[in-house]
Amino acid sequence: MDAFFASAAEYFQGSGSGFVSVFCTVWRYLAPVLAVLRYTGAPDSAERLGLVGKGVTVDSGGYNLKSSGSMAGIKGDMAGGAAVAAAVRAIAAAGIPVNVTAVVPCCENRISTTSLLPGDLIGSLSGKTIEVFNADAEGRLILADGLTWAIRKEGCTRLVDAATLTGAICAMLGYVATGVMASDDGWYAALERAAAHSGERFWRMPDFPEYEKLIRGDLGDVRNTSRDGCGAITAGLFLRHFTEGLPWLHLDIAGTADNKGYVWEHQVPGATGTAVSTLFHLACGLAEKKEEAKGNGP
C-alpha cells in the first residue's frame, strides 16, 4: 500500500493549476488509509462535486473467504478508487472550472485477529450503526464513511461513488454495462449526457421502497447484506443511507472494470479504466451548466 501512495503522489505532482492538495491519513502500517484529492477550479463557487471510490487493495473476503476461483482478481478491488483519482487528475489537467474532491478510503480485507466477523455490530462516521452479516461485503462499509467524509469534512454538494461492489451486478448486466443507483432524476440525466460523450454504457437500477426491507437492521440501523437476494440493488440502497439527501449516483463497476475477453475492439484484457471518461464529462457538464446560468442571469 505504501508503494501505491508513493506512485499516486508522483502521478499527481504538477497536475495543473488549481490542484490544491493530496491528503492521506494513516494510522499504522497496512491499516486503513483515507486519501483525499482536492481540485478547486471555481474558487468563487460554493458547489463541490464529491467523487468517492472504493480502494480495497486486497480483498480475500475476510472470514467469508472467497473461493479459489475468485482469488485471482483480489488486487483489482481498488478500481473505483483509481477511477475517481484519475478523473480528478484529468479534470485538473484540463483546467475545468469546477470544484471536485475525490475521497478514496483504502484498506485490505484479510483474515487477522482484528478482522470483522459476521455478527459484529459496528459504528460509522455518520453515527449510524451497521450489522455485519458478511465480511466479504466490506467495500460498502468503507464507502459509507467516505461519503460521510465527503459531505461533512469536504463540503461536497453532490456525490458520485464508484466501486467494484457486487458480483450480483455481473449476473444482472454481464460485462457490458455499469449498474447505477440514483437518488435524483436530474443528476442521472446529467450522467446520461456525460455517457453520450464517453461512449460508456450505464443502466439504472430500481429503488422501490420494498427493497429497503431487505437491509433493515434488527440490532443496528442497517445491515450490510440483503436478507434475500437483490444484491446489487440493496448494496446501492445501503450506500444511500449515508448520502444525507444530497444528489447522488452509485456506479457499480464490478462487471466493467476488468475486461476478461474482448467486449470492445479497442480494449485489451485487463483493467479498462471504466467511468474515468464519464466522470470527466460529468464535471464538464457542471461547468457548462454554470456558464449557462451566468448567461441567463440579470
Protein backbone atom coordinates (compact mmCIF):
# COMPACT_ATOMS: atom_id res chain seq x y z
CA MET A 1 0.00 0.00 0.00
CA ASP A 2 2.97 2.33 0.64
CA ALA A 3 4.07 1.82 -2.96
CA PHE A 4 0.55 2.62 -4.15
CA PHE A 5 0.53 6.03 -2.46
CA ALA A 6 4.13 6.80 -3.44
CA SER A 7 3.21 6.27 -7.10
CA ALA A 8 0.00 8.27 -6.61
CA ALA A 9 1.94 11.24 -5.23
CA GLU A 10 4.30 11.14 -8.21
CA TYR A 11 1.37 10.86 -10.61
CA PHE A 12 -0.39 13.91 -9.23
CA GLN A 13 2.69 16.10 -8.97
CA GLY A 14 2.39 19.05 -11.34
CA SER A 15 -1.12 18.14 -12.45
CA GLY A 16 -2.10 21.70 -13.29
CA SER A 17 -3.22 24.95 -11.71
CA GLY A 18 -5.99 24.75 -9.17
CA PHE A 19 -4.98 21.36 -7.81
CA VAL A 20 -4.92 22.03 -4.09
CA SER A 21 -3.76 19.00 -2.16
CA VAL A 22 -3.35 15.30 -1.69
CA PHE A 23 -4.17 14.38 1.90
CA CYS A 24 -3.71 10.96 3.48
CA THR A 25 -4.42 9.76 7.00
CA VAL A 26 -2.54 6.63 8.02
CA TRP A 27 -2.90 5.07 11.46
CA ARG A 28 -0.39 2.20 11.21
CA TYR A 29 1.32 0.06 8.60
CA LEU A 30 -1.24 -1.68 6.38
CA ALA A 31 -4.02 -0.05 8.37
CA PRO A 32 -6.88 1.72 6.57
CA VAL A 33 -5.88 4.87 4.67
CA LEU A 34 -8.10 7.76 3.66
CA ALA A 35 -6.84 9.64 0.61
CA VAL A 36 -8.44 12.98 -0.28
CA LEU A 37 -7.66 14.72 -3.59
CA ARG A 38 -8.93 18.29 -3.92
CA TYR A 39 -9.16 20.39 -7.05
CA THR A 40 -10.55 23.93 -6.90
CA GLY A 41 -11.17 25.24 -10.38
CA ALA A 42 -14.03 27.58 -9.40
CA PRO A 43 -12.96 29.24 -6.14
CA ASP A 44 -15.95 31.61 -6.11
CA SER A 45 -18.47 28.75 -6.22
CA ALA A 46 -19.91 27.01 -3.18
CA GLU A 47 -20.66 23.91 -5.28
CA ARG A 48 -18.30 20.95 -4.99
CA LEU A 49 -18.57 17.59 -6.69
CA GLY A 50 -17.65 14.68 -4.46
CA LEU A 51 -16.25 11.51 -6.05
CA VAL A 52 -15.93 8.60 -3.64
CA GLY A 53 -14.09 5.48 -4.79
CA LYS A 54 -13.66 2.08 -3.20
CA GLY A 55 -9.98 1.36 -2.62
CA VAL A 56 -9.76 -2.21 -1.34
CA THR A 57 -6.24 -3.12 -2.45
CA VAL A 58 -6.54 -6.78 -1.44
CA ASP A 59 -9.89 -8.50 -0.96
CA SER A 60 -9.63 -12.07 0.22
CA GLY A 61 -13.19 -11.96 1.54
CA GLY A 62 -12.01 -11.93 5.13
CA TYR A 63 -13.70 -14.56 7.29
CA ASN A 64 -16.17 -15.09 4.45
CA LEU A 65 -13.19 -16.29 2.43
CA LYS A 66 -13.51 -16.24 -1.34
CA SER A 67 -13.30 -19.47 -3.30
CA SER A 68 -10.00 -20.31 -5.01
CA GLY A 69 -11.51 -19.43 -8.38
CA SER A 70 -12.22 -15.87 -7.19
CA MET A 71 -8.77 -15.20 -5.72
CA ALA A 72 -7.05 -14.19 -8.97
CA GLY A 73 -8.66 -10.74 -9.07
CA ILE A 74 -8.44 -9.76 -5.41
CA LYS A 75 -5.96 -6.94 -6.10
CA GLY A 76 -8.33 -5.22 -8.54
CA ASP A 77 -10.92 -4.24 -5.96
CA MET A 78 -9.48 -0.72 -5.91
CA ALA A 79 -10.70 0.11 -9.43
CA GLY A 80 -13.31 2.58 -8.13
CA GLY A 81 -10.68 4.46 -6.14
CA ALA A 82 -8.36 4.53 -9.14
CA ALA A 83 -11.20 5.79 -11.34
CA VAL A 84 -12.12 8.77 -9.17
CA ALA A 85 -8.45 9.69 -8.65
CA ALA A 86 -7.79 9.55 -12.40
CA ALA A 87 -10.92 11.61 -13.07
CA VAL A 88 -9.73 14.38 -10.75
CA ARG A 89 -6.31 14.23 -12.44
CA ALA A 90 -7.95 14.69 -15.85
CA ILE A 91 -10.25 17.48 -14.66
CA ALA A 92 -7.32 19.32 -13.09
CA ALA A 93 -5.08 18.86 -16.12
CA ALA A 94 -7.80 20.29 -18.37
CA GLY A 95 -8.42 23.22 -16.02
CA ILE A 96 -12.19 22.63 -15.91
CA PRO A 97 -13.81 25.46 -13.88
CA VAL A 98 -15.41 23.25 -11.24
CA ASN A 99 -14.57 22.22 -7.70
CA VAL A 100 -14.03 18.49 -7.23
CA THR A 101 -12.92 16.35 -4.31
CA ALA A 102 -12.11 12.66 -4.58
CA VAL A 103 -12.29 10.63 -1.39
CA VAL A 104 -10.66 7.20 -1.56
CA PRO A 105 -10.93 5.01 1.56
CA CYS A 106 -8.34 2.27 1.22
CA CYS A 107 -7.80 -0.96 3.11
CA GLU A 108 -7.04 -4.65 2.77
CA ASN A 109 -9.63 -7.30 3.59
CA ARG A 110 -7.72 -10.20 5.08
CA ILE A 111 -8.16 -12.73 7.85
CA SER A 112 -6.50 -11.47 11.03
CA THR A 113 -7.09 -11.11 14.76
CA THR A 114 -8.66 -7.69 14.14
CA SER A 115 -10.80 -8.56 11.11
CA LEU A 116 -14.54 -8.06 11.09
CA LEU A 117 -16.63 -11.08 11.98
CA PRO A 118 -20.11 -11.98 10.78
CA GLY A 119 -22.43 -10.93 13.58
CA ASP A 120 -20.46 -7.81 14.53
CA LEU A 121 -22.33 -4.59 15.20
CA ILE A 122 -20.19 -1.59 14.26
CA GLY A 123 -20.47 2.18 14.21
CA SER A 124 -19.79 4.59 11.36
CA LEU A 125 -18.60 8.15 10.88
CA SER A 126 -22.20 9.18 10.28
CA GLY A 127 -23.28 7.85 13.67
CA LYS A 128 -25.41 5.08 12.18
CA THR A 129 -24.86 1.51 13.31
CA ILE A 130 -24.32 -1.38 10.91
CA GLU A 131 -24.91 -5.10 11.38
CA VAL A 132 -22.23 -7.14 9.62
CA PHE A 133 -23.53 -10.39 8.15
CA ASN A 134 -20.84 -10.95 5.54
CA ALA A 135 -17.18 -9.95 5.85
CA ASP A 136 -16.88 -10.01 2.07
CA ALA A 137 -19.30 -7.09 1.82
CA GLU A 138 -16.60 -4.78 3.17
CA GLY A 139 -16.47 -2.21 0.38
CA ARG A 140 -19.79 -0.62 1.27
CA LEU A 141 -18.59 -0.16 4.85
CA ILE A 142 -15.63 1.99 3.86
CA LEU A 143 -17.66 3.80 1.20
CA ALA A 144 -20.21 4.74 3.85
CA ASP A 145 -17.53 6.59 5.80
CA GLY A 146 -16.10 8.00 2.57
CA LEU A 147 -19.46 9.51 1.66
CA THR A 148 -19.86 10.99 5.14
CA TRP A 149 -16.34 12.45 4.97
CA ALA A 150 -17.06 14.00 1.57
CA ILE A 151 -20.21 15.66 2.91
CA ARG A 152 -19.20 16.74 6.41
CA LYS A 153 -15.46 17.35 6.05
CA GLU A 154 -15.11 18.41 2.41
CA GLY A 155 -18.40 20.27 1.92
CA CYS A 156 -19.41 18.33 -1.20
CA THR A 157 -22.84 19.29 -2.51
CA ARG A 158 -23.43 16.42 -4.95
CA LEU A 159 -21.97 12.93 -4.97
CA VAL A 160 -20.89 10.03 -7.16
CA ASP A 161 -19.45 6.81 -5.80
CA ALA A 162 -17.70 4.20 -7.95
CA ALA A 163 -16.94 0.69 -6.78
CA THR A 164 -16.41 -2.88 -7.85
CA LEU A 165 -19.12 -3.57 -5.33
CA THR A 166 -21.07 -6.72 -6.16
CA GLY A 167 -20.91 -9.91 -8.15
CA ALA A 168 -24.66 -9.57 -8.45
CA ILE A 169 -24.28 -6.72 -10.95
CA CYS A 170 -22.40 -9.09 -13.26
CA ALA A 171 -25.27 -11.56 -13.06
CA MET A 172 -27.66 -8.71 -13.85
CA LEU A 173 -25.80 -6.84 -16.62
CA GLY A 174 -22.85 -9.01 -17.56
CA TYR A 175 -19.65 -7.19 -18.53
CA VAL A 176 -21.11 -4.60 -20.90
CA ALA A 177 -22.87 -2.01 -18.72
CA THR A 178 -22.30 -0.39 -15.34
CA GLY A 179 -25.19 -0.55 -12.89
CA VAL A 180 -26.39 2.78 -11.49
CA MET A 181 -28.42 3.77 -8.46
CA ALA A 182 -29.63 7.37 -8.49
CA SER A 183 -31.39 9.50 -5.92
CA ASP A 184 -32.18 12.29 -8.35
CA ASP A 185 -33.62 12.12 -11.89
CA GLY A 186 -31.83 15.29 -12.97
CA TRP A 187 -28.48 14.02 -11.73
CA TYR A 188 -28.99 10.74 -13.55
CA ALA A 189 -29.86 12.66 -16.71
CA ALA A 190 -26.54 14.51 -16.35
CA LEU A 191 -24.79 11.13 -16.18
CA GLU A 192 -26.55 10.02 -19.36
CA ARG A 193 -25.39 13.17 -21.16
CA ALA A 194 -21.82 12.55 -19.99
CA ALA A 195 -22.02 8.92 -21.13
CA ALA A 196 -23.11 10.08 -24.58
CA HIS A 197 -19.69 11.74 -24.86
CA SER A 198 -17.66 8.90 -23.31
CA GLY A 199 -19.40 6.02 -25.05
CA GLU A 200 -19.64 4.05 -21.80
CA ARG A 201 -22.87 2.24 -21.02
CA PHE A 202 -24.93 2.60 -17.84
CA TRP A 203 -28.20 1.09 -16.68
CA ARG A 204 -30.32 2.48 -13.85
CA MET A 205 -31.47 0.00 -11.21
CA PRO A 206 -34.84 0.31 -9.45
CA ASP A 207 -35.04 1.63 -5.90
CA PHE A 208 -38.59 0.68 -4.92
CA PRO A 209 -39.23 1.14 -1.18
CA GLU A 210 -39.94 -2.57 -0.75
CA TYR A 211 -36.24 -3.30 -1.30
CA GLU A 212 -35.38 -1.34 1.85
CA LYS A 213 -36.92 -4.10 3.98
CA LEU A 214 -34.13 -6.41 2.84
CA ILE A 215 -31.43 -4.36 4.60
CA ARG A 216 -33.39 -3.14 7.61
CA GLY A 217 -31.39 -3.91 10.75
CA ASP A 218 -32.61 -5.78 13.80
CA LEU A 219 -29.97 -4.55 16.26
CA GLY A 220 -28.50 -1.72 14.20
CA ASP A 221 -29.77 0.85 11.74
CA VAL A 222 -28.91 -1.14 8.63
CA ARG A 223 -27.38 -4.49 7.68
CA ASN A 224 -24.52 -4.85 5.20
CA THR A 225 -26.11 -7.61 3.13
CA SER A 226 -29.59 -8.44 1.92
CA ARG A 227 -31.91 -10.81 3.72
CA ASP A 228 -32.97 -12.35 0.43
CA GLY A 229 -31.38 -11.58 -2.94
CA CYS A 230 -31.29 -8.35 -4.99
CA GLY A 231 -27.64 -7.94 -4.02
CA ALA A 232 -26.69 -5.15 -6.43
CA ILE A 233 -29.80 -3.12 -5.64
CA THR A 234 -29.55 -3.49 -1.87
CA ALA A 235 -25.84 -2.63 -1.92
CA GLY A 236 -26.71 0.66 -3.58
CA LEU A 237 -29.56 1.29 -1.17
CA PHE A 238 -27.18 0.65 1.73
CA LEU A 239 -24.96 3.47 0.49
CA ARG A 240 -27.93 5.82 0.08
CA HIS A 241 -28.32 5.73 3.87
CA PHE A 242 -25.10 7.76 4.07
CA THR A 243 -25.76 10.45 1.44
CA GLU A 244 -27.76 12.79 3.69
CA GLY A 245 -30.30 13.62 1.00
CA LEU A 246 -27.80 15.08 -1.50
CA PRO A 247 -27.96 14.35 -5.24
CA TRP A 248 -26.12 11.04 -5.53
CA LEU A 249 -25.14 8.45 -8.12
CA HIS A 250 -23.80 4.99 -7.33
CA LEU A 251 -21.79 3.26 -10.06
CA ASP A 252 -21.27 -0.48 -9.59
CA ILE A 253 -18.38 -1.16 -11.97
CA ALA A 254 -17.72 -4.76 -10.92
CA GLY A 255 -18.60 -6.02 -14.39
CA THR A 256 -16.93 -3.29 -16.43
CA ALA A 257 -13.69 -2.53 -14.56
CA ASP A 258 -11.87 -5.58 -15.92
CA ASN A 259 -12.08 -6.90 -19.47
CA LYS A 260 -11.66 -10.67 -19.42
CA GLY A 261 -12.35 -11.03 -23.13
CA TYR A 262 -12.91 -8.51 -25.87
CA VAL A 263 -16.14 -6.71 -25.09
CA TRP A 264 -14.94 -3.76 -27.16
CA GLU A 265 -12.47 -3.98 -30.01
CA HIS A 266 -10.36 -1.13 -28.64
CA GLN A 267 -9.85 -2.84 -25.28
CA VAL A 268 -7.28 -5.44 -24.35
CA PRO A 269 -7.75 -7.86 -21.44
CA GLY A 270 -7.22 -6.27 -18.03
CA ALA A 271 -8.18 -3.01 -16.39
CA THR A 272 -10.45 -0.81 -18.52
CA GLY A 273 -10.38 2.50 -16.63
CA THR A 274 -14.15 2.46 -16.72
CA ALA A 275 -16.00 5.58 -15.51
CA VAL A 276 -12.98 7.89 -15.79
CA SER A 277 -14.07 9.46 -19.06
CA THR A 278 -17.71 9.70 -17.97
CA LEU A 279 -16.80 11.39 -14.70
CA PHE A 280 -14.64 13.85 -16.63
CA HIS A 281 -17.55 14.74 -18.94
CA LEU A 282 -19.91 14.91 -15.96
CA ALA A 283 -17.69 17.62 -14.46
CA CYS A 284 -17.56 19.39 -17.83
CA GLY A 285 -21.35 19.34 -17.88
CA LEU A 286 -21.50 21.00 -14.47
CA ALA A 287 -19.15 23.73 -15.70
CA GLU A 288 -21.26 24.29 -18.82
CA LYS A 289 -24.44 24.47 -16.76
CA LYS A 290 -22.85 27.10 -14.53
CA GLU A 291 -21.83 29.17 -17.56
CA GLU A 292 -25.35 28.92 -18.99
CA ALA A 293 -26.79 30.11 -15.69
CA LYS A 294 -24.47 33.12 -15.79
CA GLY A 295 -25.56 33.94 -19.31
CA ASN A 296 -29.23 33.82 -18.35
CA GLY A 297 -28.74 35.99 -15.28
CA PRO A 298 -29.97 39.58 -14.91
